[in-house]
Protein backbone atom coordinates (compact mmCIF):
# COMPACT_ATOMS: atom_id res chain seq x y z
CA MET A 1 -16.21 63.90 62.97
CA ASN A 2 -15.74 62.99 66.62
CA ILE A 3 -13.50 60.25 67.98
CA ALA A 4 -16.32 57.75 68.46
CA GLU A 5 -17.38 58.10 64.82
CA ILE A 6 -13.80 57.75 63.59
CA ILE A 7 -13.36 54.57 65.64
CA GLN A 8 -16.61 53.23 64.20
CA GLN A 9 -15.41 53.92 60.64
CA LEU A 10 -11.99 52.35 61.28
CA GLY A 11 -13.66 49.09 62.21
CA ARG A 12 -15.14 48.85 58.70
CA ILE A 13 -11.76 48.95 56.96
CA PRO A 14 -10.61 45.39 56.09
CA LEU A 15 -7.07 46.12 57.31
CA PHE A 16 -8.39 46.72 60.85
CA SER A 17 -11.21 44.17 60.78
CA GLU A 18 -9.45 41.89 63.28
CA ILE A 19 -9.20 44.66 65.90
CA ASN A 20 -11.97 45.04 68.42
CA ILE A 21 -13.01 48.66 68.03
CA HIS A 22 -14.38 48.65 71.57
CA ASP A 23 -10.80 48.28 72.79
CA LEU A 24 -9.87 51.64 71.30
CA LYS A 25 -10.32 53.64 74.49
CA PRO A 26 -8.19 56.40 76.00
CA HIS A 27 -6.49 54.02 78.43
CA ASN A 28 -5.66 51.55 75.63
CA PRO A 29 -2.42 52.03 73.61
CA TYR A 30 -4.33 51.37 70.37
CA TYR A 31 -6.32 54.50 70.99
CA GLY A 32 -3.33 56.46 69.66
CA LEU A 33 -4.18 55.40 66.10
CA VAL A 34 -7.11 57.80 66.02
CA GLN A 35 -4.89 60.87 66.25
CA TRP A 36 -3.25 59.93 62.93
CA VAL A 37 -6.56 59.80 61.04
CA HIS A 38 -7.16 62.78 58.72
CA GLU A 39 -10.44 63.97 57.22
CA GLU A 40 -10.85 65.76 53.88
CA GLU A 41 -13.64 66.76 51.50
CA TYR A 42 -13.62 66.74 47.68
CA GLN A 43 -15.95 68.18 45.07
CA PRO A 44 -17.03 66.73 41.69
CA GLY A 45 -14.23 67.08 39.16
CA ASP A 46 -11.48 66.73 41.76
CA LEU A 47 -8.96 63.90 41.60
CA LEU A 48 -8.42 61.82 44.72
CA PHE A 49 -5.27 60.33 43.22
CA VAL A 50 -3.74 59.88 39.77
CA GLN A 51 -2.32 56.78 38.11
CA GLY A 52 1.47 56.69 38.27
CA GLU A 53 1.77 58.93 41.32
CA PRO A 54 3.31 57.54 44.54
CA SER A 55 0.71 55.85 46.70
CA THR A 56 1.19 56.76 50.37
CA ARG A 57 -2.35 56.86 51.77
CA LEU A 58 -5.12 54.51 52.81
CA TYR A 59 -8.49 56.10 51.97
CA TYR A 60 -11.89 55.31 53.46
CA LEU A 61 -15.00 56.84 51.87
CA VAL A 62 -17.44 58.16 54.43
CA GLU A 63 -19.81 59.58 51.83
CA GLY A 64 -19.83 60.41 48.12
CA GLY A 65 -18.78 58.56 44.98
CA ILE A 66 -15.55 57.97 43.07
CA HIS A 67 -14.94 56.48 39.62
CA LEU A 68 -11.73 54.51 38.94
CA THR A 69 -10.10 54.49 35.50
CA GLN A 70 -6.84 53.04 34.23
CA VAL A 71 -4.79 53.97 31.17
CA SER A 72 -3.09 51.04 29.42
CA PRO A 73 0.26 51.26 27.56
CA ASP A 74 -1.64 51.51 24.24
CA GLU A 75 -3.39 54.65 25.63
CA THR A 76 -6.74 52.91 26.05
CA THR A 77 -8.77 54.09 29.04
CA LEU A 78 -10.26 51.23 31.06
CA HIS A 79 -13.16 51.75 33.47
CA LEU A 80 -12.46 49.74 36.61
CA GLY A 81 -15.56 50.56 38.64
CA ASP A 82 -16.84 52.87 41.35
CA LEU A 83 -16.21 53.39 45.06
CA GLY A 84 -18.96 54.38 47.44
CA PRO A 85 -19.50 54.91 51.17
CA GLY A 86 -17.83 52.16 53.20
CA ASP A 87 -15.21 51.33 50.56
CA SER A 88 -11.50 51.70 51.19
CA VAL A 89 -8.49 51.79 48.89
CA GLY A 90 -4.72 52.11 49.35
CA GLU A 91 -3.61 49.30 51.66
CA THR A 92 -0.56 48.64 49.48
CA GLY A 93 0.39 52.32 49.49
CA LEU A 94 0.02 52.59 53.26
CA LEU A 95 2.17 49.56 54.03
CA LEU A 96 4.59 49.54 51.09
CA GLY A 97 4.51 52.94 49.39
CA ASP A 98 3.86 51.70 45.85
CA TYR A 99 2.48 53.60 42.83
CA HIS A 100 -1.18 54.12 42.00
CA ASP A 101 -2.42 51.86 39.20
CA ALA A 102 -5.61 53.87 38.62
CA THR A 103 -6.97 57.41 38.65
CA ALA A 104 -9.79 58.26 41.07
CA ASP A 105 -12.24 60.89 39.73
CA VAL A 106 -14.64 62.40 42.25
CA LEU A 107 -18.23 62.16 40.93
CA LEU A 108 -20.19 63.42 43.96
CA PRO A 109 -19.40 65.61 46.96
CA THR A 110 -17.14 63.24 48.84
CA ARG A 111 -15.76 63.01 52.36
CA VAL A 112 -12.88 60.67 53.15
CA LEU A 113 -10.75 59.57 56.06
CA TYR A 114 -7.14 58.72 55.33
CA LEU A 115 -3.92 57.56 56.98
CA GLU A 116 -0.46 58.69 55.83
CA ARG A 117 2.26 56.07 55.35
CA GLU A 118 4.99 57.89 57.30
CA GLU A 119 2.73 58.69 60.24
CA PHE A 120 1.36 55.14 60.32
CA ALA A 121 4.92 53.77 60.28
CA GLN A 122 5.76 55.96 63.28
CA PHE A 123 2.70 54.63 65.09
CA LEU A 124 3.65 51.00 64.35
CA ALA A 125 7.20 51.66 65.55
CA SER A 126 5.86 52.95 68.87
CA LYS A 127 3.26 50.15 69.18
CA PRO A 128 4.79 47.04 67.54
CA GLU A 129 2.12 44.79 69.07
CA PHE A 130 -0.50 46.58 66.98
CA GLU A 131 1.06 45.27 63.77
CA GLN A 132 0.27 41.68 64.75
CA LEU A 133 -3.45 42.52 64.73
CA LEU A 134 -3.54 43.93 61.19
CA ASN A 135 -5.46 41.91 58.60
CA VAL A 136 -2.89 42.30 55.82
CA SER A 137 -3.65 40.72 52.44
CA ALA A 138 -1.45 37.80 51.39
CA ALA A 139 0.14 39.69 48.47
CA VAL A 140 1.08 42.69 50.61
CA LYS A 141 2.31 40.45 53.42
CA ALA A 142 4.62 38.61 51.01
CA ARG A 143 6.09 41.87 49.71
CA ARG A 144 6.58 43.25 53.21
CA ALA A 145 8.69 40.20 54.02
CA LEU A 146 11.08 40.96 51.15
CA PRO A 147 14.49 42.37 52.09
CA SER A 148 15.73 45.82 51.17
CA TYR A 149 19.00 46.41 49.30
CA ASP A 150 21.53 49.20 49.43
CA TRP A 151 21.54 49.53 45.62
CA LEU A 152 17.84 50.50 45.40
CA ARG A 153 17.17 53.96 43.97
CA ALA A 154 14.89 56.51 45.57
CA GLY A 155 11.29 55.37 45.09
CA GLU A 156 12.33 51.95 43.76
CA LEU A 157 10.52 49.01 45.38
CA VAL A 158 11.23 45.27 45.43
CA ILE A 159 8.52 43.11 43.83
CA PHE A 160 10.13 39.71 44.32
CA ALA A 161 13.49 38.25 45.30
CA GLU A 162 14.14 34.62 44.40
CA ASN A 163 16.99 32.16 44.75
CA ARG A 164 17.38 29.36 42.29
CA HIS A 165 15.07 26.40 42.87
CA TRP A 166 15.98 24.11 45.77
CA SER A 167 16.65 21.29 43.30
CA ASN A 168 19.70 23.27 42.15
CA LEU A 169 21.00 23.18 45.72
CA VAL A 170 20.36 19.44 45.93
CA ARG A 171 22.40 18.84 42.78
CA ARG A 172 25.23 20.91 44.23
CA ILE A 173 25.44 19.35 47.67
CA GLY A 174 23.86 15.93 47.04
CA PRO A 175 26.99 13.91 46.11
CA PRO A 176 29.32 15.52 48.70
CA PHE A 177 26.63 15.20 51.36
CA ILE A 178 26.28 11.47 50.68
CA LEU A 179 30.07 11.08 50.86
CA LEU A 180 29.99 13.03 54.12
CA LEU A 181 27.47 10.62 55.63
CA ILE A 182 29.54 7.62 54.49
CA ALA A 183 32.69 9.11 56.00
CA VAL A 184 30.94 9.77 59.31
CA VAL A 185 29.47 6.25 59.45
CA LEU A 186 32.81 4.59 58.65
CA SER A 187 34.87 6.75 60.98
CA TYR A 188 32.75 6.15 64.07
CA PRO A 189 33.59 2.42 64.68
CA LEU A 190 37.23 2.97 63.72
CA LEU A 191 37.62 5.69 66.31
CA GLN A 192 36.16 3.40 68.96
CA GLY A 193 38.83 0.73 68.38
CA ASP A 194 42.25 0.38 69.98
CA VAL A 195 44.26 -0.46 66.87
CA ASP A 196 46.57 2.32 65.77
CA VAL A 197 45.82 1.70 62.10
CA GLY A 198 42.09 1.92 62.78
CA LEU A 199 42.53 5.15 64.73
CA ALA A 200 44.64 6.66 61.97
CA LEU A 201 42.14 5.63 59.33
CA GLY A 202 39.29 6.97 61.46
CA ALA A 203 41.10 10.28 61.94
CA LEU A 204 41.64 10.48 58.19
CA LEU A 205 37.93 9.88 57.59
CA VAL A 206 37.09 12.58 60.13
CA LEU A 207 39.35 14.97 58.22
CA VAL A 208 37.66 14.02 54.95
CA ALA A 209 34.25 14.48 56.59
CA SER A 210 35.27 17.94 57.83
CA VAL A 211 36.41 18.98 54.36
CA LEU A 212 33.19 17.66 52.82
CA GLY A 213 31.15 19.44 55.48
CA LEU A 214 32.87 22.75 54.74
CA PHE A 215 32.35 22.17 51.02
CA VAL A 216 28.62 21.57 51.60
CA LEU A 217 28.35 24.78 53.65
CA TRP A 218 30.27 26.68 50.96
CA GLN A 219 27.90 25.42 48.25
CA PHE A 220 24.89 26.37 50.37
CA ALA A 221 26.28 29.89 50.89
CA ASN A 222 26.87 30.25 47.14
CA TRP A 223 23.33 29.08 46.38
CA HIS A 224 21.88 31.42 48.98
CA ASP A 225 23.83 34.41 47.62
CA ASP A 226 22.74 33.75 44.02
CA LEU A 227 19.70 36.00 43.80
CA PHE A 228 17.25 37.28 41.17
CA VAL A 229 15.42 40.50 42.11
CA LEU A 230 12.56 42.26 40.32
CA THR A 231 11.91 45.88 41.24
CA THR A 232 9.51 48.49 39.94
CA GLU A 233 12.22 49.68 37.50
CA ARG A 234 14.60 46.82 36.62
CA ILE A 235 15.52 43.19 37.01
CA VAL A 236 18.74 42.30 38.80
CA HIS A 237 20.94 39.22 39.12
CA GLU A 238 23.31 39.41 42.09
CA GLU A 239 25.77 36.58 42.64
CA ARG A 240 28.55 35.98 45.15
CA VAL A 241 30.91 33.02 45.04
CA TRP A 242 32.54 33.59 48.41
CA PRO A 243 35.31 34.69 48.60
CA ILE A 244 36.39 34.36 44.96
CA HIS A 245 33.93 36.23 42.79
CA LYS A 246 31.19 38.84 42.98
CA SER A 247 28.97 39.97 40.12
CA PHE A 248 25.95 42.20 39.62
CA GLU A 249 23.84 42.43 36.45
CA GLU A 250 20.85 44.64 35.81
CA GLY A 251 18.48 45.37 32.95
CA SER A 252 15.82 48.05 32.68
CA LEU A 253 12.22 46.90 32.33
CA GLU A 254 11.79 49.48 29.55
CA ASN A 255 14.03 47.40 27.26
CA ILE A 256 12.26 44.06 27.65
CA GLU A 257 9.90 43.14 24.79
CA ASP A 258 9.28 39.44 25.40
CA ILE A 259 10.02 36.68 27.89
CA HIS A 260 10.60 33.08 26.84
CA THR A 261 9.85 30.33 29.37
CA LEU A 262 11.46 26.88 29.19
CA GLN A 263 10.76 23.91 31.47
CA SER A 264 12.79 21.01 30.10
CA GLY A 265 12.25 17.49 31.39
CA ILE A 266 9.82 15.60 33.58
CA VAL A 267 11.52 16.66 36.81
CA ALA A 268 11.40 20.36 35.93
CA ASN A 269 7.69 20.17 35.12
CA ALA A 270 6.90 18.05 38.18
CA LEU A 271 8.75 20.38 40.57
CA ASP A 272 7.69 23.50 38.62
CA TYR A 273 11.02 25.13 37.89
CA GLY A 274 12.61 26.34 34.68
CA ASP A 275 14.37 29.14 32.83
CA LEU A 276 13.25 32.62 31.79
CA THR A 277 15.01 34.33 28.87
CA LEU A 278 14.51 38.08 28.58
CA GLN A 279 14.47 39.54 25.07
CA THR A 280 14.63 43.10 23.81
CA ALA A 281 13.89 44.48 20.35
CA GLY A 282 16.27 42.47 18.21
CA GLU A 283 18.66 41.71 21.07
CA LYS A 284 18.82 39.36 24.04
CA VAL A 285 19.50 40.73 27.48
CA GLU A 286 22.14 38.63 29.20
CA ILE A 287 20.15 38.39 32.44
CA ASP A 288 18.54 34.98 32.19
CA LEU A 289 16.65 33.62 35.18
CA THR A 290 17.80 30.00 35.13
CA GLN A 291 16.41 27.21 37.31
CA VAL A 292 13.93 29.40 39.18
CA GLY A 293 10.77 28.15 40.82
CA HIS A 294 7.31 28.89 39.38
CA PRO A 295 8.62 30.40 36.11
CA ALA A 296 5.14 31.09 34.72
CA LYS A 297 4.22 33.07 37.83
CA LEU A 298 7.45 35.06 37.70
CA ARG A 299 6.90 35.74 34.01
CA GLU A 300 3.49 37.24 34.77
CA GLN A 301 4.95 39.39 37.55
CA ILE A 302 7.65 40.75 35.25
CA PHE A 303 5.13 41.52 32.51
CA ARG A 304 2.87 43.20 35.05
CA GLU A 305 5.67 45.55 36.13
CA ILE A 306 6.59 46.23 32.49
CA THR A 307 2.96 47.14 31.79
CA ARG A 308 2.80 49.36 34.87
CA ASN A 309 6.01 51.14 33.83
CA ARG A 310 4.78 51.85 30.32
CA ALA A 311 1.36 52.91 31.54
CA ARG A 312 2.96 55.38 33.96
CA SER A 313 4.89 56.91 31.05
CA VAL A 314 1.69 57.32 29.02
CA VAL A 315 -0.15 58.86 31.97
CA SER A 316 2.75 61.24 32.62
CA VAL A 317 2.56 62.53 29.04
CA ARG A 318 -1.22 62.88 29.28
CA GLY A 319 -0.93 64.78 32.53
CA THR A 320 1.56 67.22 31.05
CA VAL A 321 -0.64 67.76 27.98
CA ARG A 322 -3.59 68.37 30.27
CA GLU A 323 -1.64 70.98 32.23
CA LYS A 324 -0.57 72.74 29.02
CA LEU A 325 -4.14 72.84 27.73
CA ALA A 326 -5.36 74.16 31.07
CA GLU A 327 -2.77 76.93 30.89
CA ARG A 328 -3.86 77.68 27.31
CA LEU A 329 -7.53 77.89 28.22
CA ASN A 330 -6.98 79.73 31.52
CA PRO A 331 -3.79 81.77 31.10
CA LYS A 332 -2.34 83.12 34.30
CA LEU A 333 0.39 85.67 34.58
CA THR A 334 3.20 84.11 36.50
CA SER A 335 6.43 85.85 37.26
CA PRO A 336 9.52 83.91 36.35
CA PRO A 337 11.46 82.51 39.27
CA GLU A 338 14.24 84.70 40.52
CA ARG A 339 17.68 83.61 39.50
CA THR A 340 20.28 83.37 42.18
CA LEU A 341 23.58 84.39 40.74
CA PRO A 342 26.54 82.48 42.06
CA GLU A 343 28.94 84.41 44.20
CA ASN A 344 32.16 85.39 42.54
CA SER A 345 35.01 83.50 44.01
CA VAL A 346 38.61 83.48 43.04
CA ALA A 347 40.40 80.27 43.74
CA GLY A 348 43.91 80.64 44.95
CA PRO A 349 46.66 78.94 43.03
CA SER A 350 47.18 75.33 44.00
CA VAL A 351 50.75 74.40 44.52
CA LYS A 352 51.56 70.71 44.34
CA LEU A 353 54.55 69.37 46.06
CA PHE A 354 56.93 67.19 44.16
CA TRP A 355 55.66 64.10 45.98
CA GLY A 356 52.11 64.95 44.97
CA VAL A 357 53.11 65.11 41.31
CA VAL A 358 54.96 61.81 41.55
CA LYS A 359 52.07 60.18 43.38
CA ASP A 360 49.50 61.31 40.80
CA TYR A 361 51.72 60.07 37.99
CA PHE A 362 52.46 56.61 39.31
CA PHE A 363 49.18 56.20 41.24
CA PRO A 364 46.60 58.29 39.33
CA PRO A 365 43.21 58.88 41.01
CA SER A 366 40.62 56.34 39.93
CA TRP A 367 37.56 58.62 40.12
CA VAL A 368 37.65 62.32 39.13
CA GLU A 369 34.55 64.53 38.84
CA SER A 370 34.29 67.85 37.07
CA GLU A 371 33.58 70.94 39.18
CA ASP A 372 29.88 70.93 38.28
CA GLY A 373 29.60 67.17 38.76
CA SER A 374 28.28 66.61 35.23
CA THR A 375 31.26 64.60 33.97
CA ILE A 376 33.17 61.79 35.65
CA HIS A 377 36.49 60.31 34.54
CA TRP A 378 37.39 56.81 35.64
CA ARG A 379 40.89 55.42 35.22
CA ARG A 380 42.18 51.92 35.70
CA PHE A 381 43.32 50.98 39.18
CA TRP A 382 47.10 50.71 39.43
CA VAL A 383 47.25 47.34 41.28
CA PRO A 384 46.17 45.09 38.35
CA GLY A 385 48.43 47.16 36.11
CA PHE A 386 51.35 46.41 38.41
CA PHE A 387 50.72 42.65 38.18
CA ARG A 388 50.16 42.86 34.43
CA HIS A 389 53.53 44.57 33.87
CA LEU A 390 55.61 42.51 36.28
CA LYS A 391 57.62 41.43 33.23
CA VAL A 392 58.82 45.05 33.13
CA PHE A 393 59.06 45.84 36.83
CA ILE A 394 61.05 42.77 37.85
CA PRO A 395 63.85 43.08 35.21
CA ALA A 396 64.13 46.81 35.88
CA LEU A 397 64.32 46.26 39.62
CA LEU A 398 66.88 43.44 39.32
CA TRP A 399 69.02 45.43 36.88
CA ILE A 400 69.07 48.59 38.98
CA VAL A 401 69.55 46.91 42.36
CA GLY A 402 72.02 44.40 40.99
CA GLY A 403 74.05 47.12 39.28
CA LEU A 404 74.20 49.19 42.44
CA LEU A 405 75.38 46.19 44.45
CA ILE A 406 78.06 45.41 41.85
CA PHE A 407 79.34 48.98 41.87
CA TYR A 408 79.42 49.01 45.62
CA SER A 409 81.53 45.88 45.63
CA LEU A 410 83.82 47.18 42.88
CA LEU A 411 84.46 50.48 44.61
CA SER A 412 85.20 48.90 47.95
CA PRO A 413 88.87 48.56 49.01
CA LYS A 414 88.71 44.82 48.35
CA GLY A 415 86.73 45.21 45.17
CA GLN A 416 87.28 43.06 42.09
CA PHE A 417 88.71 45.91 40.02
CA GLY A 418 91.34 46.74 42.59
CA ASP A 419 94.18 48.43 40.68
CA HIS A 420 92.44 48.29 37.29
CA ASN A 421 92.43 51.52 35.38
CA LEU A 422 89.54 53.97 35.62
CA ASN A 423 88.54 53.47 31.99
CA ASP A 424 87.28 49.95 32.63
CA LEU A 425 85.11 51.22 35.45
CA ILE A 426 83.74 54.03 33.29
CA TYR A 427 82.89 51.59 30.48
CA TRP A 428 81.07 49.36 32.95
CA LEU A 429 79.19 52.35 34.38
CA ALA A 430 78.17 53.50 30.89
CA PHE A 431 76.91 50.02 30.06
CA TRP A 432 74.86 49.88 33.27
CA LEU A 433 73.42 53.36 32.79
CA SER A 434 72.46 52.57 29.19
CA GLY A 435 70.66 49.43 30.27
CA SER A 436 68.97 51.32 33.10
CA ALA A 437 67.81 54.01 30.68
CA VAL A 438 66.31 51.40 28.34
CA LEU A 439 64.56 49.58 31.18
CA PHE A 440 63.35 52.85 32.73
CA ALA A 441 61.95 53.97 29.37
CA TRP A 442 60.22 50.61 29.04
CA LEU A 443 58.84 51.03 32.56
CA LEU A 444 57.52 54.53 31.82
CA TRP A 445 55.95 53.24 28.61
CA ALA A 446 54.13 50.51 30.57
CA ILE A 447 52.91 53.03 33.16
CA GLU A 448 51.74 55.47 30.49
CA ASP A 449 50.09 52.69 28.50
CA TRP A 450 48.09 51.65 31.56
CA ALA A 451 47.22 55.15 32.76
CA ASN A 452 46.40 56.71 29.37
CA ASP A 453 43.16 54.77 28.91
CA TYR A 454 40.15 56.32 30.61
CA PHE A 455 36.38 56.03 30.81
CA GLU A 456 34.11 59.06 30.82
CA ILE A 457 30.43 59.55 31.53
CA THR A 458 28.50 62.73 30.76
CA PRO A 459 24.81 63.46 31.33
CA GLY A 460 24.02 61.79 28.01
CA ARG A 461 26.90 59.58 26.86
CA ILE A 462 29.40 56.95 27.94
CA VAL A 463 32.87 57.18 26.38
CA ILE A 464 35.82 54.78 26.41
CA VAL A 465 39.20 56.02 25.15
CA TYR A 466 42.17 53.73 24.48
CA GLN A 467 45.42 55.47 23.59
CA LYS A 468 49.06 54.47 23.34
CA PRO A 469 51.90 56.67 24.58
CA LEU A 470 53.50 59.18 22.18
CA LEU A 471 50.30 59.23 20.08
CA PHE A 472 51.06 55.86 18.48
CA SER A 473 47.35 55.06 18.37
CA ARG A 474 44.07 56.33 19.77
CA SER A 475 40.57 54.87 19.62
CA ARG A 476 37.32 56.23 21.00
CA GLN A 477 34.11 54.31 21.61
CA GLU A 478 30.95 56.02 22.79
CA ALA A 479 27.22 55.47 23.05
CA ARG A 480 24.13 57.27 24.27
CA LEU A 481 23.01 56.21 27.71
CA ASP A 482 19.56 55.22 26.47
CA ASN A 483 21.16 52.63 24.15
CA ILE A 484 22.49 50.64 27.10
CA GLN A 485 20.43 47.46 27.47
CA ASN A 486 21.90 46.05 30.65
CA ILE A 487 24.76 46.73 33.04
CA SER A 488 26.89 44.25 34.96
CA SER A 489 29.81 44.50 37.34
CA GLU A 490 32.16 41.92 38.79
CA SER A 491 35.12 41.63 41.13
CA PRO A 492 37.07 38.61 39.83
CA GLY A 493 39.20 37.00 42.49
CA VAL A 494 39.97 37.36 46.16
CA LEU A 495 42.41 40.26 45.74
CA ALA A 496 39.92 42.19 43.59
CA GLY A 497 37.28 41.72 46.26
CA LEU A 498 39.59 42.87 49.06
CA LEU A 499 40.89 45.93 47.20
CA LYS A 500 37.48 46.65 45.63
CA TYR A 501 38.31 46.75 41.95
CA GLY A 502 36.90 44.93 38.94
CA ASN A 503 35.10 45.30 35.62
CA VAL A 504 31.87 46.95 34.48
CA VAL A 505 30.27 45.66 31.26
CA LEU A 506 27.63 47.56 29.29
CA GLU A 507 25.53 45.76 26.67
CA THR A 508 24.20 48.13 24.01
CA ALA A 509 21.61 47.70 21.28
CA GLY A 510 22.48 47.55 17.61
CA THR A 511 26.00 47.41 16.20
CA GLN A 512 27.77 49.23 19.03
CA GLY A 513 28.13 45.98 20.92
CA GLN A 514 29.76 45.68 24.29
CA PHE A 515 31.48 48.35 26.36
CA GLU A 516 33.85 47.09 29.03
CA LEU A 517 35.30 49.31 31.72
CA GLN A 518 38.20 47.16 32.86
CA TRP A 519 39.89 47.26 36.26
CA VAL A 520 38.05 50.26 37.68
CA ARG A 521 37.98 51.01 41.38
CA HIS A 522 34.69 50.31 43.18
CA PRO A 523 32.89 48.65 40.23
CA ASP A 524 29.60 48.53 42.16
CA LYS A 525 29.64 52.31 42.59
CA VAL A 526 30.59 52.82 38.94
CA ARG A 527 27.71 50.59 37.82
CA ALA A 528 25.28 52.36 40.16
CA GLU A 529 26.40 55.78 38.85
CA ILE A 530 25.91 54.70 35.23
CA SER A 531 22.50 53.23 36.06
CA LYS A 532 21.43 56.40 37.88
CA ARG A 533 22.51 58.63 35.00
CA GLN A 534 20.86 56.35 32.47
CA GLN A 535 17.56 56.64 34.31
CA ALA A 536 17.88 60.45 34.56
CA PHE A 537 18.71 60.68 30.83
CA ARG A 538 15.68 58.60 29.89
CA ARG A 539 13.45 60.80 31.98
CA ARG A 540 14.83 63.90 30.27
CA GLN A 541 14.30 62.31 26.86
CA SER A 542 10.74 61.37 27.83
CA ALA A 543 10.09 64.95 28.91
CA ILE A 544 11.49 66.27 25.62
CA GLU A 545 9.33 63.84 23.65
CA ALA A 546 6.30 64.82 25.72
CA GLN A 547 6.95 68.50 25.00
CA ARG A 548 7.27 67.75 21.30
CA ARG A 549 3.95 65.92 21.29
CA GLN A 550 2.37 68.70 23.32
CA GLY A 551 3.57 71.26 20.79
CA GLU A 552 2.11 69.23 17.94
CA LEU A 553 -1.18 68.84 19.75
CA LEU A 554 -1.41 72.53 20.56
CA ARG A 555 -0.66 73.41 16.93
CA TRP A 556 -3.53 71.12 15.91
CA PHE A 557 -5.81 72.99 18.29
CA ASP A 558 -4.65 76.32 16.84
CA ILE A 559 -5.41 75.14 13.31
CA TYR A 560 -8.78 73.76 14.45
CA ASP A 561 -9.61 77.07 16.13
CA GLU A 562 -8.62 79.00 12.98
CA LEU A 563 -10.81 76.82 10.77
CA LYS A 564 -13.77 76.92 13.14
CA HIS A 565 -13.56 80.65 13.95
CA PRO A 566 -12.00 82.43 10.94
CA GLU A 567 -13.48 85.74 12.07
CA LYS A 568 -11.18 85.68 15.13
CA VAL A 569 -8.17 85.23 12.90
CA HIS A 570 -9.21 88.11 10.63
CA ALA A 571 -9.89 90.36 13.63
CA GLU A 572 -6.50 89.57 15.17
CA THR A 573 -4.74 90.17 11.84
CA LYS A 574 -6.56 93.49 11.41
CA ARG A 575 -5.65 94.55 14.96
CA LYS A 576 -1.95 93.83 14.40
CA PHE A 577 -2.01 95.67 11.06
CA GLU A 578 -3.64 98.76 12.61
CA GLN A 579 -1.13 98.70 15.47
CA ARG A 580 1.81 98.65 13.04
CA GLU A 581 0.25 101.56 11.07
CA ARG A 582 -0.12 103.63 14.24
CA GLU A 583 3.48 102.96 15.20
CA ARG A 584 4.65 103.90 11.70
CA ASN A 585 2.63 107.11 11.62
CA GLY A 586 3.83 108.05 15.09
CA GLY A 587 7.43 107.56 13.98
CA ASN A 588 6.95 109.77 10.90
CA GLN A 589 5.59 112.62 13.00
């Protein structure tokens, strides 16, 4: 297809309908779009794209026919319709990179033009003025305006991001804002007067107004940083109360069974805001969307993503079964992949200096990974432990320092003991050393008690171990990663925020209850690591379940084939019997 024909076809795509195709000439910068257009042909039986796969292309059908089907979570196949010449599909994938919600089966010899997302993004980056001419649908335009977040996983996309309803902000800042206006109105005439009392009162009102103004700004910042986010994989509540508190909660869409909507009162119904409560099988996820706008609309969006998630899982299993059956019907000899043996390496002995040993004892590392990276140990950060055991540190410090000062004064030429006999000094020294030993033992106990507890994550489990020094007690709590319903992290307080430590809470289903990783370093990273491993574990479990179902299905086909063609079974049995007889006779000779 020549350039003129490609330009003519581009003008029929709704996304480019606002662009004058006659402007696409070699001297025009928009002409560069043509070089990114690809052409491809398909035959009947081919698949243009498959439901659940990443969508990264915009397709335009030049000729042919395509049938669209969709698999629902209950494994029902829905027929969505057909595409013919002049139809296009994939605007969302081109501009956002979402997942396909349908499978496109080629019915007739088909020729398509398509644009790749990455190449189109490069073109828009080089010609930003071109983006203003695109006829983007309202839904895609709204999603393109959504922010991105550093905690998003690879392939995870934001569906919506909402603050609480503006009425919540009004309730927060309404009273102080009214007081602020009153203070400003009253202070103005007083500051214009010449009386000292009036000036002083006016200055006081200005101070009050400044404090109220800062309080209003603080409340606005807190409202703005209180955010609910729905992605293609989970729902997240991120909250910052600057600079005191920071929290992050997340729940997987796979766990949500039902959503309860509540709009209480005339005002809530008139302004269309309310609460959404997320429920799992027998449990309630602690992420409740309270006082959000358009709750019914948000509820539908959440259910839509839940349905898409479950449908993708069903399609994935079907696709794997289809591949296994294709291999069974058309076996191909494939050589196993070559294994690359790791090089032998001998690690030299590591010699730790005395200071290193002392440092690791009193300030143990907060995050330790195994050599293969499969297991991570987290220990409590030492700073909150120091504040918690000040009742030990302060007496020990005062006793030791005070005793040293007393001995220094006693041993000086003008010391209190003077000509006293040496026995009195020895008794005093023994008393001080005994007290120091007791306090030092108490101090070591406190350090050991804080450092002994640890948290461990493996590819399949989360483990919390609490243990007292000298084996006085030891408890172990663990759960499979797929039992975790939602994960939250928080940094309570200004110091925790500055030093980046806090708590991570895991809500599990059933009787296991709550797991709390207290006072870990970098709680956001710990939460993200747990969430990442939980997702990987679920995918492995889904693959195992799919293989189990595939095995069952293939066994059914074997039994069906045996019942339908018993002569094949008898012939195969006879062949194996004759082969064993030949081997036996050959061995006897």
